[in-house]
Amino acid sequence: MLFPRARVAVFVDGCFWHGCPDHRTQPRRNPEFWIEKIELNRLRDADTDHRLRAAGWIVVRVWEHESALDAADRVEEVVRSRRP
């Protein structure tokens, strides 16, 4: 989700796909593939965050397990803080 005028980018990350530190599970089938895939996702996320920040954006990452209301409040606070 983007808020272009405020230059805020919001990502909602799935716990499995992005390696949530609280809810990460070890896949039973083809674990080598999945461990590498998830690590590459995490590296891509970090690269994306770095590139956006370098371009003057604020990045907000929300985990899928987070309360939608808490996440929305956090996003709203960041967006409002960036408005003139």
N, C-alpha and C. Protein backbone atom coordinates (compact mmCIF):
# COMPACT_ATOMS: atom_id res chain seq x y z
N MET A 1 0.85 -1.14 0.00
CA MET A 1 0.00 0.00 0.00
C MET A 1 0.91 1.22 0.00
N LEU A 2 0.59 2.19 -0.84
CA LEU A 2 1.40 3.40 -0.91
C LEU A 2 0.59 4.63 -0.55
N PHE A 3 1.24 5.56 0.10
CA PHE A 3 0.71 6.89 0.37
C PHE A 3 1.69 7.85 -0.28
N PRO A 4 1.52 8.10 -1.60
CA PRO A 4 2.53 8.82 -2.37
C PRO A 4 2.82 10.23 -1.86
N ARG A 5 1.80 10.98 -1.49
CA ARG A 5 2.07 12.35 -1.03
C ARG A 5 2.88 12.36 0.25
N ALA A 6 2.65 11.40 1.10
CA ALA A 6 3.41 11.30 2.36
C ALA A 6 4.69 10.50 2.17
N ARG A 7 4.83 9.85 1.04
CA ARG A 7 5.97 9.00 0.74
C ARG A 7 6.15 7.91 1.80
N VAL A 8 5.05 7.17 2.01
CA VAL A 8 5.03 6.06 2.95
C VAL A 8 4.64 4.80 2.17
N ALA A 9 5.44 3.77 2.32
CA ALA A 9 5.15 2.47 1.70
C ALA A 9 4.86 1.47 2.81
N VAL A 10 3.75 0.75 2.68
CA VAL A 10 3.34 -0.22 3.69
C VAL A 10 3.35 -1.61 3.06
N PHE A 11 3.98 -2.54 3.74
CA PHE A 11 4.02 -3.94 3.31
C PHE A 11 3.40 -4.80 4.40
N VAL A 12 2.57 -5.75 4.01
CA VAL A 12 2.04 -6.73 4.94
C VAL A 12 2.74 -8.05 4.61
N ASP A 13 3.56 -8.51 5.54
CA ASP A 13 4.38 -9.69 5.31
C ASP A 13 3.77 -10.92 5.97
N GLY A 14 3.70 -12.00 5.20
CA GLY A 14 3.24 -13.28 5.74
C GLY A 14 4.31 -13.89 6.61
N CYS A 15 3.90 -14.47 7.72
CA CYS A 15 4.85 -15.03 8.69
C CYS A 15 5.73 -16.11 8.06
N PHE A 16 5.14 -17.03 7.30
CA PHE A 16 5.93 -18.09 6.70
C PHE A 16 6.84 -17.53 5.62
N TRP A 17 6.29 -16.76 4.71
CA TRP A 17 7.02 -16.32 3.51
C TRP A 17 8.15 -15.35 3.82
N HIS A 18 8.05 -14.62 4.92
CA HIS A 18 9.05 -13.60 5.22
C HIS A 18 9.82 -13.91 6.50
N GLY A 19 9.65 -15.10 7.05
CA GLY A 19 10.47 -15.55 8.17
C GLY A 19 10.22 -14.81 9.47
N CYS A 20 8.96 -14.69 9.85
CA CYS A 20 8.62 -14.01 11.11
C CYS A 20 9.41 -14.62 12.28
N PRO A 21 10.07 -13.78 13.07
CA PRO A 21 10.84 -14.31 14.20
C PRO A 21 9.97 -14.97 15.27
N ASP A 22 8.69 -14.61 15.33
CA ASP A 22 7.79 -15.18 16.34
C ASP A 22 7.06 -16.44 15.86
N HIS A 23 6.80 -16.53 14.55
CA HIS A 23 5.95 -17.61 14.05
C HIS A 23 6.60 -18.44 12.95
N ARG A 24 7.88 -18.32 12.79
CA ARG A 24 8.59 -19.09 11.77
C ARG A 24 8.48 -20.58 12.06
N THR A 25 8.22 -21.34 11.02
CA THR A 25 8.18 -22.79 11.15
C THR A 25 9.17 -23.38 10.16
N GLN A 26 9.65 -24.56 10.46
CA GLN A 26 10.55 -25.26 9.55
C GLN A 26 9.71 -26.14 8.65
N PRO A 27 9.81 -25.93 7.34
CA PRO A 27 9.05 -26.78 6.43
C PRO A 27 9.55 -28.22 6.48
N ARG A 28 8.63 -29.16 6.38
CA ARG A 28 9.00 -30.57 6.44
C ARG A 28 9.36 -31.12 5.07
N ARG A 29 8.69 -30.62 4.06
CA ARG A 29 8.97 -31.08 2.71
C ARG A 29 9.91 -30.10 2.02
N ASN A 30 10.95 -30.64 1.46
CA ASN A 30 11.91 -29.86 0.69
C ASN A 30 12.47 -28.68 1.50
N PRO A 31 12.94 -28.94 2.72
CA PRO A 31 13.34 -27.84 3.60
C PRO A 31 14.47 -26.98 3.05
N GLU A 32 15.41 -27.58 2.33
CA GLU A 32 16.52 -26.78 1.79
C GLU A 32 16.00 -25.70 0.85
N PHE A 33 15.06 -26.09 -0.02
CA PHE A 33 14.48 -25.13 -0.95
C PHE A 33 13.80 -23.99 -0.21
N TRP A 34 12.95 -24.34 0.77
CA TRP A 34 12.16 -23.32 1.45
C TRP A 34 13.02 -22.42 2.33
N ILE A 35 14.01 -22.98 2.98
CA ILE A 35 14.89 -22.15 3.81
C ILE A 35 15.60 -21.12 2.94
N GLU A 36 16.10 -21.56 1.79
CA GLU A 36 16.76 -20.62 0.87
C GLU A 36 15.77 -19.60 0.32
N LYS A 37 14.57 -20.05 -0.05
CA LYS A 37 13.54 -19.16 -0.60
C LYS A 37 13.18 -18.07 0.42
N ILE A 38 12.96 -18.46 1.65
CA ILE A 38 12.57 -17.50 2.68
C ILE A 38 13.71 -16.53 2.97
N GLU A 39 14.93 -17.03 3.00
CA GLU A 39 16.08 -16.15 3.23
C GLU A 39 16.22 -15.15 2.08
N LEU A 40 16.01 -15.59 0.85
CA LEU A 40 16.06 -14.66 -0.28
C LEU A 40 14.94 -13.62 -0.19
N ASN A 41 13.77 -14.03 0.28
CA ASN A 41 12.68 -13.06 0.50
C ASN A 41 13.10 -12.00 1.51
N ARG A 42 13.73 -12.45 2.60
CA ARG A 42 14.16 -11.51 3.64
C ARG A 42 15.23 -10.56 3.11
N LEU A 43 16.15 -11.08 2.30
CA LEU A 43 17.17 -10.22 1.71
C LEU A 43 16.55 -9.22 0.74
N ARG A 44 15.59 -9.66 -0.06
CA ARG A 44 14.91 -8.76 -0.98
C ARG A 44 14.13 -7.69 -0.21
N ASP A 45 13.49 -8.08 0.88
CA ASP A 45 12.77 -7.10 1.72
C ASP A 45 13.73 -6.03 2.23
N ALA A 46 14.88 -6.46 2.72
CA ALA A 46 15.87 -5.50 3.25
C ALA A 46 16.37 -4.59 2.15
N ASP A 47 16.60 -5.14 0.96
CA ASP A 47 17.04 -4.33 -0.17
C ASP A 47 15.96 -3.32 -0.57
N THR A 48 14.72 -3.77 -0.61
CA THR A 48 13.61 -2.88 -0.94
C THR A 48 13.50 -1.75 0.07
N ASP A 49 13.58 -2.08 1.36
CA ASP A 49 13.53 -1.06 2.41
C ASP A 49 14.66 -0.05 2.23
N HIS A 50 15.86 -0.55 1.98
CA HIS A 50 17.02 0.32 1.80
C HIS A 50 16.81 1.27 0.62
N ARG A 51 16.36 0.74 -0.50
CA ARG A 51 16.16 1.57 -1.70
C ARG A 51 15.08 2.63 -1.48
N LEU A 52 14.00 2.23 -0.85
CA LEU A 52 12.92 3.20 -0.59
C LEU A 52 13.38 4.30 0.36
N ARG A 53 14.07 3.91 1.43
CA ARG A 53 14.56 4.91 2.38
C ARG A 53 15.56 5.85 1.72
N ALA A 54 16.40 5.32 0.87
CA ALA A 54 17.37 6.16 0.15
C ALA A 54 16.66 7.16 -0.76
N ALA A 55 15.46 6.81 -1.21
CA ALA A 55 14.69 7.70 -2.08
C ALA A 55 13.77 8.62 -1.28
N GLY A 56 13.88 8.59 0.06
CA GLY A 56 13.11 9.51 0.88
C GLY A 56 11.77 8.98 1.37
N TRP A 57 11.54 7.69 1.24
CA TRP A 57 10.29 7.08 1.70
C TRP A 57 10.47 6.53 3.10
N ILE A 58 9.36 6.41 3.81
CA ILE A 58 9.32 5.68 5.08
C ILE A 58 8.66 4.34 4.78
N VAL A 59 9.25 3.28 5.30
CA VAL A 59 8.73 1.93 5.09
C VAL A 59 8.11 1.45 6.40
N VAL A 60 6.89 0.96 6.30
CA VAL A 60 6.20 0.35 7.44
C VAL A 60 5.97 -1.11 7.07
N ARG A 61 6.46 -2.01 7.90
CA ARG A 61 6.24 -3.44 7.68
C ARG A 61 5.31 -3.95 8.77
N VAL A 62 4.27 -4.65 8.34
CA VAL A 62 3.26 -5.21 9.23
C VAL A 62 3.29 -6.72 9.05
N TRP A 63 3.35 -7.44 10.16
CA TRP A 63 3.27 -8.90 10.08
C TRP A 63 1.81 -9.32 10.01
N GLU A 64 1.54 -10.40 9.30
CA GLU A 64 0.17 -10.87 9.13
C GLU A 64 -0.52 -11.16 10.46
N HIS A 65 0.23 -11.50 11.49
CA HIS A 65 -0.36 -11.84 12.78
C HIS A 65 -0.71 -10.61 13.62
N GLU A 66 -0.28 -9.45 13.20
CA GLU A 66 -0.56 -8.23 13.97
C GLU A 66 -2.03 -7.87 13.90
N SER A 67 -2.50 -7.26 14.94
CA SER A 67 -3.87 -6.76 14.96
C SER A 67 -4.04 -5.73 13.85
N ALA A 68 -5.09 -5.89 13.06
CA ALA A 68 -5.34 -4.95 11.96
C ALA A 68 -5.55 -3.53 12.50
N LEU A 69 -6.21 -3.41 13.63
CA LEU A 69 -6.43 -2.07 14.21
C LEU A 69 -5.12 -1.44 14.67
N ASP A 70 -4.27 -2.23 15.31
CA ASP A 70 -2.97 -1.70 15.75
C ASP A 70 -2.12 -1.29 14.55
N ALA A 71 -2.13 -2.13 13.52
CA ALA A 71 -1.35 -1.83 12.32
C ALA A 71 -1.89 -0.56 11.65
N ALA A 72 -3.20 -0.45 11.55
CA ALA A 72 -3.79 0.74 10.93
C ALA A 72 -3.46 1.99 11.71
N ASP A 73 -3.48 1.90 13.03
CA ASP A 73 -3.11 3.05 13.87
C ASP A 73 -1.65 3.45 13.63
N ARG A 74 -0.79 2.47 13.53
CA ARG A 74 0.64 2.73 13.30
C ARG A 74 0.85 3.41 11.94
N VAL A 75 0.19 2.87 10.92
CA VAL A 75 0.30 3.45 9.58
C VAL A 75 -0.24 4.87 9.57
N GLU A 76 -1.40 5.07 10.18
CA GLU A 76 -2.00 6.41 10.22
C GLU A 76 -1.07 7.41 10.90
N GLU A 77 -0.45 7.00 11.99
CA GLU A 77 0.47 7.89 12.71
C GLU A 77 1.65 8.30 11.82
N VAL A 78 2.20 7.32 11.11
CA VAL A 78 3.34 7.62 10.24
C VAL A 78 2.92 8.54 9.10
N VAL A 79 1.79 8.25 8.47
CA VAL A 79 1.32 9.07 7.34
C VAL A 79 1.04 10.49 7.82
N ARG A 80 0.35 10.63 8.93
CA ARG A 80 0.04 11.98 9.45
C ARG A 80 1.31 12.76 9.81
N SER A 81 2.31 12.06 10.29
CA SER A 81 3.56 12.74 10.68
C SER A 81 4.31 13.28 9.45
N ARG A 82 4.00 12.74 8.28
CA ARG A 82 4.70 13.16 7.06
C ARG A 82 3.95 14.23 6.29
N ARG A 83 2.75 14.53 6.68
CA ARG A 83 1.98 15.56 5.96
C ARG A 83 2.39 16.94 6.45
N PRO A 84 2.43 17.88 5.50
CA PRO A 84 2.84 19.25 5.88
C PRO A 84 1.83 19.94 6.78
